[in-house]
């Protein structure tokens, strides 16, 4: 299945803000709540917020706004829910701890 443009735009925006280890995971076969995850790592809590802000700004240019945003104040794991896809922006420590890639690889 081809990755939707909005998902690609979110990943590109994360890269433009210098996030690292950006991955797009198709979870549609094993999820009833969304089709894709976009995962990215920021260097610090301040950086994760900047990445989240830039993704939101970039997607707003396409008239896309998240249904919800979680974790922004803490900055360790920020979640932007765009219904068809969810963006996860982690600090390195949070990404290593939660290991979403491994969890969804196992479920898929």
PDB file of N, CA and C in Angstrom:
ATOM      1  N   UNK A   1       0.840  -1.175   0.000  1.00  0.00           N
ATOM      2  CA  UNK A   1       0.000   0.000   0.000  1.00  0.00           C
ATOM      3  C   UNK A   1       0.889   1.244   0.000  1.00  0.00           C
ATOM      4  N   UNK A   2       0.510   2.226  -0.777  1.00  0.00           N
ATOM      5  CA  UNK A   2       1.302   3.450  -0.883  1.00  0.00           C
ATOM      6  C   UNK A   2       1.038   4.366   0.311  1.00  0.00           C
ATOM      7  N   UNK A   3       2.099   4.955   0.825  1.00  0.00           N
ATOM      8  CA  UNK A   3       1.998   5.847   1.976  1.00  0.00           C
ATOM      9  C   UNK A   3       1.305   7.143   1.548  1.00  0.00           C
ATOM     10  N   UNK A   4       0.268   7.569   2.283  1.00  0.00           N
ATOM     11  CA  UNK A   4      -0.446   8.805   1.937  1.00  0.00           C
ATOM     12  C   UNK A   4       0.458  10.039   2.013  1.00  0.00           C
ATOM     13  N   UNK A   5       0.131  11.030   1.209  1.00  0.00           N
ATOM     14  CA  UNK A   5       0.920  12.251   1.131  1.00  0.00           C
ATOM     15  C   UNK A   5       1.063  12.937   2.492  1.00  0.00           C
ATOM     16  N   UNK A   6       0.005  13.011   3.272  1.00  0.00           N
ATOM     17  CA  UNK A   6       0.059  13.685   4.573  1.00  0.00           C
ATOM     18  C   UNK A   6       1.068  13.010   5.506  1.00  0.00           C
ATOM     19  N   UNK A   7       1.140  11.698   5.447  1.00  0.00           N
ATOM     20  CA  UNK A   7       2.096  10.949   6.263  1.00  0.00           C
ATOM     21  C   UNK A   7       3.519  11.293   5.828  1.00  0.00           C
ATOM     22  N   UNK A   8       3.721  11.325   4.514  1.00  0.00           N
ATOM     23  CA  UNK A   8       5.038  11.689   3.982  1.00  0.00           C
ATOM     24  C   UNK A   8       5.412  13.117   4.387  1.00  0.00           C
ATOM     25  N   UNK A   9       4.447  14.032   4.323  1.00  0.00           N
ATOM     26  CA  UNK A   9       4.715  15.422   4.699  1.00  0.00           C
ATOM     27  C   UNK A   9       5.117  15.542   6.164  1.00  0.00           C
ATOM     28  N   UNK A  10       4.479  14.773   7.025  1.00  0.00           N
ATOM     29  CA  UNK A  10       4.833  14.786   8.447  1.00  0.00           C
ATOM     30  C   UNK A  10       6.268  14.309   8.649  1.00  0.00           C
ATOM     31  N   UNK A  11       6.643  13.245   7.959  1.00  0.00           N
ATOM     32  CA  UNK A  11       8.005  12.711   8.071  1.00  0.00           C
ATOM     33  C   UNK A  11       9.029  13.707   7.527  1.00  0.00           C
ATOM     34  N   UNK A  12       8.717  14.336   6.406  1.00  0.00           N
ATOM     35  CA  UNK A  12       9.630  15.326   5.827  1.00  0.00           C
ATOM     36  C   UNK A  12       9.779  16.524   6.759  1.00  0.00           C
ATOM     37  N   UNK A  13       8.675  16.976   7.337  1.00  0.00           N
ATOM     38  CA  UNK A  13       8.736  18.117   8.265  1.00  0.00           C
ATOM     39  C   UNK A  13       9.610  17.783   9.472  1.00  0.00           C
ATOM     40  N   UNK A  14       9.492  16.565   9.981  1.00  0.00           N
ATOM     41  CA  UNK A  14      10.342  16.151  11.108  1.00  0.00           C
ATOM     42  C   UNK A  14      11.810  16.209  10.696  1.00  0.00           C
ATOM     43  N   UNK A  15      12.116  15.727   9.511  1.00  0.00           N
ATOM     44  CA  UNK A  15      13.489  15.765   9.009  1.00  0.00           C
ATOM     45  C   UNK A  15      13.990  17.182   8.788  1.00  0.00           C
ATOM     46  N   UNK A  16      13.101  18.043   8.309  1.00  0.00           N
ATOM     47  CA  UNK A  16      13.483  19.440   8.090  1.00  0.00           C
ATOM     48  C   UNK A  16      13.855  20.134   9.397  1.00  0.00           C
ATOM     49  N   UNK A  17      13.294  19.663  10.504  1.00  0.00           N
ATOM     50  CA  UNK A  17      13.620  20.231  11.819  1.00  0.00           C
ATOM     51  C   UNK A  17      14.722  19.434  12.517  1.00  0.00           C
ATOM     52  N   UNK A  18      15.401  18.588  11.748  1.00  0.00           N
ATOM     53  CA  UNK A  18      16.571  17.832  12.214  1.00  0.00           C
ATOM     54  C   UNK A  18      16.247  16.742  13.231  1.00  0.00           C
ATOM     55  N   UNK A  19      15.024  16.198  13.182  1.00  0.00           N
ATOM     56  CA  UNK A  19      14.738  15.007  13.981  1.00  0.00           C
ATOM     57  C   UNK A  19      15.534  13.856  13.375  1.00  0.00           C
ATOM     58  N   UNK A  20      15.807  12.848  14.162  1.00  0.00           N
ATOM     59  CA  UNK A  20      16.570  11.702  13.668  1.00  0.00           C
ATOM     60  C   UNK A  20      15.731  10.432  13.739  1.00  0.00           C
ATOM     61  N   UNK A  21      16.255   9.379  13.139  1.00  0.00           N
ATOM     62  CA  UNK A  21      15.644   8.048  13.157  1.00  0.00           C
ATOM     63  C   UNK A  21      14.147   8.115  12.824  1.00  0.00           C
ATOM     64  N   UNK A  22      13.813   8.793  11.747  1.00  0.00           N
ATOM     65  CA  UNK A  22      12.422   8.957  11.333  1.00  0.00           C
ATOM     66  C   UNK A  22      11.968   7.691  10.628  1.00  0.00           C
ATOM     67  N   UNK A  23      10.862   7.147  11.103  1.00  0.00           N
ATOM     68  CA  UNK A  23      10.320   5.924  10.514  1.00  0.00           C
ATOM     69  C   UNK A  23       8.821   6.076  10.317  1.00  0.00           C
ATOM     70  N   UNK A  24       8.335   5.472   9.263  1.00  0.00           N
ATOM     71  CA  UNK A  24       6.905   5.389   9.014  1.00  0.00           C
ATOM     72  C   UNK A  24       6.529   3.921   9.054  1.00  0.00           C
ATOM     73  N   UNK A  25       5.554   3.601   9.889  1.00  0.00           N
ATOM     74  CA  UNK A  25       5.143   2.205  10.052  1.00  0.00           C
ATOM     75  C   UNK A  25       3.678   2.064   9.670  1.00  0.00           C
ATOM     76  N   UNK A  26       3.404   1.156   8.767  1.00  0.00           N
ATOM     77  CA  UNK A  26       2.030   0.840   8.382  1.00  0.00           C
ATOM     78  C   UNK A  26       1.494  -0.179   9.390  1.00  0.00           C
ATOM     79  N   UNK A  27       0.536   0.242  10.216  1.00  0.00           N
ATOM     80  CA  UNK A  27      -0.034  -0.655  11.217  1.00  0.00           C
ATOM     81  C   UNK A  27      -1.494  -0.984  10.896  1.00  0.00           C
ATOM     82  N   UNK A  28      -1.931  -0.664   9.693  1.00  0.00           N
ATOM     83  CA  UNK A  28      -3.342  -0.815   9.327  1.00  0.00           C
ATOM     84  C   UNK A  28      -3.849  -2.258   9.459  1.00  0.00           C
ATOM     85  N   UNK A  29      -2.986  -3.217   9.241  1.00  0.00           N
ATOM     86  CA  UNK A  29      -3.413  -4.619   9.318  1.00  0.00           C
ATOM     87  C   UNK A  29      -3.690  -5.074  10.744  1.00  0.00           C
ATOM     88  N   UNK A  30      -3.090  -4.397  11.717  1.00  0.00           N
ATOM     89  CA  UNK A  30      -3.248  -4.850  13.100  1.00  0.00           C
ATOM     90  C   UNK A  30      -3.831  -3.782  14.019  1.00  0.00           C
ATOM     91  N   UNK A  31      -4.331  -2.694  13.460  1.00  0.00           N
ATOM     92  CA  UNK A  31      -4.859  -1.600  14.273  1.00  0.00           C
ATOM     93  C   UNK A  31      -6.239  -1.186  13.778  1.00  0.00           C
ATOM     94  N   UNK A  32      -7.114  -0.894  14.723  1.00  0.00           N
ATOM     95  CA  UNK A  32      -8.434  -0.383  14.355  1.00  0.00           C
ATOM     96  C   UNK A  32      -8.539   1.121  14.590  1.00  0.00           C
ATOM     97  N   UNK A  33      -7.496   1.729  15.180  1.00  0.00           N
ATOM     98  CA  UNK A  33      -7.586   3.145  15.540  1.00  0.00           C
ATOM     99  C   UNK A  33      -6.812   4.082  14.622  1.00  0.00           C
ATOM    100  N   UNK A  34      -5.886   3.567  13.841  1.00  0.00           N
ATOM    101  CA  UNK A  34      -5.136   4.388  12.889  1.00  0.00           C
ATOM    102  C   UNK A  34      -4.458   3.480  11.872  1.00  0.00           C
ATOM    103  N   UNK A  35      -3.927   4.085  10.825  1.00  0.00           N
ATOM    104  CA  UNK A  35      -3.274   3.295   9.779  1.00  0.00           C
ATOM    105  C   UNK A  35      -1.749   3.362   9.816  1.00  0.00           C
ATOM    106  N   UNK A  36      -1.216   4.508  10.235  1.00  0.00           N
ATOM    107  CA  UNK A  36       0.238   4.699  10.205  1.00  0.00           C
ATOM    108  C   UNK A  36       0.729   5.363  11.478  1.00  0.00           C
ATOM    109  N   UNK A  37       1.947   5.037  11.828  1.00  0.00           N
ATOM    110  CA  UNK A  37       2.716   5.779  12.828  1.00  0.00           C
ATOM    111  C   UNK A  37       3.871   6.448  12.104  1.00  0.00           C
ATOM    112  N   UNK A  38       4.143   7.682  12.472  1.00  0.00           N
ATOM    113  CA  UNK A  38       5.382   8.350  12.092  1.00  0.00           C
ATOM    114  C   UNK A  38       6.145   8.520  13.397  1.00  0.00           C
ATOM    115  N   UNK A  39       7.349   7.968  13.472  1.00  0.00           N
ATOM    116  CA  UNK A  39       8.168   8.055  14.667  1.00  0.00           C
ATOM    117  C   UNK A  39       9.401   8.888  14.374  1.00  0.00           C
ATOM    118  N   UNK A  40       9.761   9.742  15.323  1.00  0.00           N
ATOM    119  CA  UNK A  40      10.942  10.590  15.162  1.00  0.00           C
ATOM    120  C   UNK A  40      11.547  10.849  16.532  1.00  0.00           C
ATOM    121  N   UNK A  41      12.825  11.146  16.530  1.00  0.00           N
ATOM    122  CA  UNK A  41      13.545  11.420  17.769  1.00  0.00           C
ATOM    123  C   UNK A  41      14.129  12.817  17.726  1.00  0.00           C
ATOM    124  N   UNK A  42      13.886  13.565  18.801  1.00  0.00           N
ATOM    125  CA  UNK A  42      14.505  14.871  18.990  1.00  0.00           C
ATOM    126  C   UNK A  42      15.647  14.751  19.975  1.00  0.00           C
ATOM    127  N   UNK A  43      16.543  15.700  19.953  1.00  0.00           N
ATOM    128  CA  UNK A  43      17.719  15.636  20.833  1.00  0.00           C
ATOM    129  C   UNK A  43      17.376  15.900  22.294  1.00  0.00           C
ATOM    130  N   UNK A  44      16.449  16.824  22.509  1.00  0.00           N
ATOM    131  CA  UNK A  44      16.076  17.254  23.857  1.00  0.00           C
ATOM    132  C   UNK A  44      14.573  17.499  23.892  1.00  0.00           C
ATOM    133  N   UNK A  45      14.059  17.795  25.075  1.00  0.00           N
ATOM    134  CA  UNK A  45      12.636  18.127  25.202  1.00  0.00           C
ATOM    135  C   UNK A  45      12.295  19.382  24.399  1.00  0.00           C
ATOM    136  N   UNK A  46      13.179  20.349  24.396  1.00  0.00           N
ATOM    137  CA  UNK A  46      12.949  21.576  23.618  1.00  0.00           C
ATOM    138  C   UNK A  46      12.911  21.238  22.134  1.00  0.00           C
ATOM    139  N   UNK A  47      13.803  20.370  21.703  1.00  0.00           N
ATOM    140  CA  UNK A  47      13.846  19.978  20.299  1.00  0.00           C
ATOM    141  C   UNK A  47      12.582  19.214  19.903  1.00  0.00           C
ATOM    142  N   UNK A  48      12.089  18.304  20.759  1.00  0.00           N
ATOM    143  CA  UNK A  48      10.872  17.564  20.413  1.00  0.00           C
ATOM    144  C   UNK A  48       9.701  18.527  20.234  1.00  0.00           C
ATOM    145  N   UNK A  49       9.633  19.553  21.065  1.00  0.00           N
ATOM    146  CA  UNK A  49       8.558  20.548  20.925  1.00  0.00           C
ATOM    147  C   UNK A  49       8.694  21.308  19.608  1.00  0.00           C
ATOM    148  N   UNK A  50       9.921  21.666  19.247  1.00  0.00           N
ATOM    149  CA  UNK A  50      10.142  22.384  17.988  1.00  0.00           C
ATOM    150  C   UNK A  50       9.757  21.509  16.794  1.00  0.00           C
ATOM    151  N   UNK A  51      10.074  20.231  16.860  1.00  0.00           N
ATOM    152  CA  UNK A  51       9.705  19.307  15.790  1.00  0.00           C
ATOM    153  C   UNK A  51       8.182  19.206  15.698  1.00  0.00           C
ATOM    154  N   UNK A  52       7.528  19.040  16.840  1.00  0.00           N
ATOM    155  CA  UNK A  52       6.059  18.955  16.854  1.00  0.00           C
ATOM    156  C   UNK A  52       5.435  20.219  16.281  1.00  0.00           C
ATOM    157  N   UNK A  53       5.935  21.374  16.702  1.00  0.00           N
ATOM    158  CA  UNK A  53       5.405  22.643  16.195  1.00  0.00           C
ATOM    159  C   UNK A  53       5.544  22.729  14.678  1.00  0.00           C
ATOM    160  N   UNK A  54       6.704  22.333  14.168  1.00  0.00           N
ATOM    161  CA  UNK A  54       6.944  22.442  12.726  1.00  0.00           C
ATOM    162  C   UNK A  54       6.073  21.469  11.932  1.00  0.00           C
ATOM    163  N   UNK A  55       5.878  20.273  12.470  1.00  0.00           N
ATOM    164  CA  UNK A  55       4.986  19.320  11.801  1.00  0.00           C
ATOM    165  C   UNK A  55       3.572  19.889  11.751  1.00  0.00           C
ATOM    166  N   UNK A  56       3.111  20.425  12.874  1.00  0.00           N
ATOM    167  CA  UNK A  56       1.764  21.010  12.894  1.00  0.00           C
ATOM    168  C   UNK A  56       1.641  22.172  11.909  1.00  0.00           C
ATOM    169  N   UNK A  57       2.645  23.039  11.869  1.00  0.00           N
ATOM    170  CA  UNK A  57       2.623  24.181  10.945  1.00  0.00           C
ATOM    171  C   UNK A  57       2.615  23.699   9.491  1.00  0.00           C
ATOM    172  N   UNK A  58       3.449  22.715   9.194  1.00  0.00           N
ATOM    173  CA  UNK A  58       3.554  22.201   7.823  1.00  0.00           C
ATOM    174  C   UNK A  58       2.246  21.552   7.374  1.00  0.00           C
ATOM    175  N   UNK A  59       1.644  20.768   8.228  1.00  0.00           N
ATOM    176  CA  UNK A  59       0.408  20.097   7.859  1.00  0.00           C
ATOM    177  C   UNK A  59      -0.773  21.067   7.841  1.00  0.00           C
ATOM    178  N   UNK A  60      -0.718  22.113   8.662  1.00  0.00           N
ATOM    179  CA  UNK A  60      -1.783  23.125   8.641  1.00  0.00           C
ATOM    180  C   UNK A  60      -1.845  23.819   7.283  1.00  0.00           C
ATOM    181  N   UNK A  61      -0.707  23.920   6.611  1.00  0.00           N
ATOM    182  CA  UNK A  61      -0.689  24.494   5.258  1.00  0.00           C
ATOM    183  C   UNK A  61      -1.503  23.650   4.275  1.00  0.00           C
ATOM    184  N   UNK A  62      -1.731  22.391   4.620  1.00  0.00           N
ATOM    185  CA  UNK A  62      -2.551  21.484   3.816  1.00  0.00           C
ATOM    186  C   UNK A  62      -3.948  21.319   4.433  1.00  0.00           C
ATOM    187  N   UNK A  63      -4.284  22.240   5.346  1.00  0.00           N
ATOM    188  CA  UNK A  63      -5.574  22.210   6.058  1.00  0.00           C
ATOM    189  C   UNK A  63      -5.750  20.961   6.916  1.00  0.00           C
ATOM    190  N   UNK A  64      -4.657  20.454   7.441  1.00  0.00           N
ATOM    191  CA  UNK A  64      -4.697  19.311   8.346  1.00  0.00           C
ATOM    192  C   UNK A  64      -4.319  19.768   9.749  1.00  0.00           C
ATOM    193  N   UNK A  65      -5.186  19.494  10.702  1.00  0.00           N
ATOM    194  CA  UNK A  65      -4.909  19.813  12.099  1.00  0.00           C
ATOM    195  C   UNK A  65      -5.105  18.543  12.910  1.00  0.00           C
ATOM    196  N   UNK A  66      -4.307  18.362  13.939  1.00  0.00           N
ATOM    197  CA  UNK A  66      -4.455  17.141  14.735  1.00  0.00           C
ATOM    198  C   UNK A  66      -5.756  17.152  15.537  1.00  0.00           C
ATOM    199  N   UNK A  67      -6.335  15.995  15.672  1.00  0.00           N
ATOM    200  CA  UNK A  67      -7.503  15.825  16.527  1.00  0.00           C
ATOM    201  C   UNK A  67      -7.110  16.097  17.975  1.00  0.00           C
ATOM    202  N   UNK A  68      -5.912  15.645  18.334  1.00  0.00           N
ATOM    203  CA  UNK A  68      -5.411  15.890  19.684  1.00  0.00           C
ATOM    204  C   UNK A  68      -3.889  15.927  19.684  1.00  0.00           C
ATOM    205  N   UNK A  69      -3.368  16.506  20.753  1.00  0.00           N
ATOM    206  CA  UNK A  69      -1.921  16.590  20.959  1.00  0.00           C
ATOM    207  C   UNK A  69      -1.675  16.275  22.420  1.00  0.00           C
ATOM    208  N   UNK A  70      -0.769  15.338  22.676  1.00  0.00           N
ATOM    209  CA  UNK A  70      -0.468  14.912  24.045  1.00  0.00           C
ATOM    210  C   UNK A  70       1.024  14.991  24.306  1.00  0.00           C
ATOM    211  N   UNK A  71       1.386  15.226  25.559  1.00  0.00           N
ATOM    212  CA  UNK A  71       2.777  15.172  25.978  1.00  0.00           C
ATOM    213  C   UNK A  71       3.615  16.390  25.663  1.00  0.00           C
ATOM    214  N   UNK A  72       3.008  17.423  25.139  1.00  0.00           N
ATOM    215  CA  UNK A  72       3.774  18.599  24.704  1.00  0.00           C
ATOM    216  C   UNK A  72       4.474  19.281  25.875  1.00  0.00           C
ATOM    217  N   UNK A  73       3.774  19.455  26.973  1.00  0.00           N
ATOM    218  CA  UNK A  73       4.382  20.133  28.137  1.00  0.00           C
ATOM    219  C   UNK A  73       5.613  19.387  28.636  1.00  0.00           C
ATOM    220  N   UNK A  74       5.493  18.073  28.747  1.00  0.00           N
ATOM    221  CA  UNK A  74       6.612  17.272  29.252  1.00  0.00           C
ATOM    222  C   UNK A  74       7.726  17.178  28.217  1.00  0.00           C
ATOM    223  N   UNK A  75       7.361  17.017  26.965  1.00  0.00           N
ATOM    224  CA  UNK A  75       8.341  17.000  25.878  1.00  0.00           C
ATOM    225  C   UNK A  75       9.104  15.705  25.683  1.00  0.00           C
ATOM    226  N   UNK A  76       8.848  14.705  26.503  1.00  0.00           N
ATOM    227  CA  UNK A  76       9.573  13.422  26.380  1.00  0.00           C
ATOM    228  C   UNK A  76       9.003  12.561  25.259  1.00  0.00           C
ATOM    229  N   UNK A  77       7.677  12.557  25.135  1.00  0.00           N
ATOM    230  CA  UNK A  77       6.991  11.797  24.110  1.00  0.00           C
ATOM    231  C   UNK A  77       5.770  12.614  23.700  1.00  0.00           C
ATOM    232  N   UNK A  78       5.851  13.225  22.547  1.00  0.00           N
ATOM    233  CA  UNK A  78       4.753  14.049  22.044  1.00  0.00           C
ATOM    234  C   UNK A  78       4.003  13.248  20.993  1.00  0.00           C
ATOM    235  N   UNK A  79       2.689  13.246  21.114  1.00  0.00           N
ATOM    236  CA  UNK A  79       1.843  12.507  20.198  1.00  0.00           C
ATOM    237  C   UNK A  79       0.899  13.486  19.497  1.00  0.00           C
ATOM    238  N   UNK A  80       0.898  13.455  18.185  1.00  0.00           N
ATOM    239  CA  UNK A  80      -0.015  14.257  17.366  1.00  0.00           C
ATOM    240  C   UNK A  80      -0.930  13.288  16.633  1.00  0.00           C
ATOM    241  N   UNK A  81      -2.218  13.323  16.950  1.00  0.00           N
ATOM    242  CA  UNK A  81      -3.180  12.373  16.383  1.00  0.00           C
ATOM    243  C   UNK A  81      -3.928  13.019  15.227  1.00  0.00           C
ATOM    244  N   UNK A  82      -3.627  12.554  14.018  1.00  0.00           N
ATOM    245  CA  UNK A  82      -4.288  13.033  12.811  1.00  0.00           C
ATOM    246  C   UNK A  82      -5.323  12.014  12.307  1.00  0.00           C
ATOM    247  N   UNK A  83      -5.795  11.164  13.168  1.00  0.00           N
ATOM    248  CA  UNK A  83      -6.800  10.130  12.934  1.00  0.00           C
ATOM    249  C   UNK A  83      -6.266   9.009  12.040  1.00  0.00           C
ATOM    250  N   UNK A  84      -5.964   9.288  10.772  1.00  0.00           N
ATOM    251  CA  UNK A  84      -5.450   8.248   9.875  1.00  0.00           C
ATOM    252  C   UNK A  84      -3.993   7.907  10.150  1.00  0.00           C
ATOM    253  N   UNK A  85      -3.310   8.803  10.835  1.00  0.00           N
ATOM    254  CA  UNK A  85      -1.928   8.544  11.239  1.00  0.00           C
ATOM    255  C   UNK A  85      -1.640   9.296  12.530  1.00  0.00           C
ATOM    256  N   UNK A  86      -0.676   8.783  13.259  1.00  0.00           N
ATOM    257  CA  UNK A  86      -0.270   9.380  14.532  1.00  0.00           C
ATOM    258  C   UNK A  86       1.229   9.619  14.482  1.00  0.00           C
ATOM    259  N   UNK A  87       1.627  10.831  14.849  1.00  0.00           N
ATOM    260  CA  UNK A  87       3.034  11.197  14.897  1.00  0.00           C
ATOM    261  C   UNK A  87       3.502  11.076  16.347  1.00  0.00           C
ATOM    262  N   UNK A  88       4.609  10.377  16.540  1.00  0.00           N
ATOM    263  CA  UNK A  88       5.230  10.213  17.859  1.00  0.00           C
ATOM    264  C   UNK A  88       6.610  10.857  17.787  1.00  0.00           C
ATOM    265  N   UNK A  89       6.870  11.800  18.671  1.00  0.00           N
ATOM    266  CA  UNK A  89       8.183  12.449  18.717  1.00  0.00           C
ATOM    267  C   UNK A  89       8.745  12.216  20.115  1.00  0.00           C
ATOM    268  N   UNK A  90       9.864  11.545  20.168  1.00  0.00           N
ATOM    269  CA  UNK A  90      10.459  11.121  21.433  1.00  0.00           C
ATOM    270  C   UNK A  90      11.791  11.807  21.704  1.00  0.00           C
ATOM    271  N   UNK A  91      12.153  11.881  22.978  1.00  0.00           N
ATOM    272  CA  UNK A  91      13.553  12.098  23.328  1.00  0.00           C
ATOM    273  C   UNK A  91      14.242  10.740  23.115  1.00  0.00           C
ATOM    274  N   UNK A  92      15.559  10.715  22.997  1.00  0.00           N
ATOM    275  CA  UNK A  92      16.238   9.420  22.808  1.00  0.00           C
ATOM    276  C   UNK A  92      15.925   8.414  23.921  1.00  0.00           C
ATOM    277  N   UNK A  93      15.861   8.887  25.152  1.00  0.00           N
ATOM    278  CA  UNK A  93      15.596   7.987  26.280  1.00  0.00           C
ATOM    279  C   UNK A  93      14.194   7.382  26.200  1.00  0.00           C
ATOM    280  N   UNK A  94      13.208   8.205  25.868  1.00  0.00           N
ATOM    281  CA  UNK A  94      11.829   7.708  25.768  1.00  0.00           C
ATOM    282  C   UNK A  94      11.687   6.744  24.595  1.00  0.00           C
ATOM    283  N   UNK A  95      12.328   7.047  23.491  1.00  0.00           N
ATOM    284  CA  UNK A  95      12.253   6.161  22.319  1.00  0.00           C
ATOM    285  C   UNK A  95      12.838   4.799  22.651  1.00  0.00           C
ATOM    286  N   UNK A  96      13.955   4.802  23.343  1.00  0.00           N
ATOM    287  CA  UNK A  96      14.594   3.548  23.736  1.00  0.00           C
ATOM    288  C   UNK A  96      13.733   2.777  24.742  1.00  0.00           C
ATOM    289  N   UNK A  97      13.106   3.486  25.654  1.00  0.00           N
ATOM    290  CA  UNK A  97      12.307   2.838  26.690  1.00  0.00           C
ATOM    291  C   UNK A  97      11.038   2.196  26.119  1.00  0.00           C
ATOM    292  N   UNK A  98      10.300   2.929  25.312  1.00  0.00           N
ATOM    293  CA  UNK A  98       9.011   2.434  24.823  1.00  0.00           C
ATOM    294  C   UNK A  98       9.118   1.505  23.612  1.00  0.00           C
ATOM    295  N   UNK A  99      10.108   1.685  22.780  1.00  0.00           N
ATOM    296  CA  UNK A  99      10.380   0.787  21.650  1.00  0.00           C
ATOM    297  C   UNK A  99       9.126   0.417  20.853  1.00  0.00           C
ATOM    298  N   UNK A 100       8.402   1.435  20.406  1.00  0.00           N
ATOM    299  CA  UNK A 100       7.173   1.190  19.642  1.00  0.00           C
ATOM    300  C   UNK A 100       7.416   0.367  18.380  1.00  0.00           C
ATOM    301  N   UNK A 101       8.563   0.564  17.755  1.00  0.00           N
ATOM    302  CA  UNK A 101       8.859  -0.206  16.547  1.00  0.00           C
ATOM    303  C   UNK A 101       8.807  -1.705  16.834  1.00  0.00           C
ATOM    304  N   UNK A 102       9.406  -2.105  17.925  1.00  0.00           N
ATOM    305  CA  UNK A 102       9.440  -3.531  18.266  1.00  0.00           C
ATOM    306  C   UNK A 102       8.049  -4.036  18.622  1.00  0.00           C
ATOM    307  N   UNK A 103       7.289  -3.250  19.343  1.00  0.00           N
ATOM    308  CA  UNK A 103       5.938  -3.657  19.731  1.00  0.00           C
ATOM    309  C   UNK A 103       5.066  -3.886  18.498  1.00  0.00           C
ATOM    310  N   UNK A 104       5.086  -2.949  17.556  1.00  0.00           N
ATOM    311  CA  UNK A 104       4.229  -3.069  16.383  1.00  0.00           C
ATOM    312  C   UNK A 104       4.785  -4.045  15.360  1.00  0.00           C
ATOM    313  N   UNK A 105       6.082  -4.268  15.360  1.00  0.00           N
ATOM    314  CA  UNK A 105       6.666  -5.289  14.496  1.00  0.00           C
ATOM    315  C   UNK A 105       6.161  -6.661  14.947  1.00  0.00           C
ATOM    316  N   UNK A 106       6.110  -6.853  16.250  1.00  0.00           N
ATOM    317  CA  UNK A 106       5.643  -8.110  16.825  1.00  0.00           C
ATOM    318  C   UNK A 106       4.161  -8.330  16.520  1.00  0.00           C
ATOM    319  N   UNK A 107       3.355  -7.263  16.609  1.00  0.00           N
ATOM    320  CA  UNK A 107       1.905  -7.373  16.379  1.00  0.00           C
ATOM    321  C   UNK A 107       1.581  -7.522  14.901  1.00  0.00           C
ATOM    322  N   UNK A 108       2.427  -6.929  14.045  1.00  0.00           N
ATOM    323  CA  UNK A 108       2.146  -6.957  12.610  1.00  0.00           C
ATOM    324  C   UNK A 108       2.463  -8.282  12.045  1.00  0.00           C
TER     325      UNK A 108
END
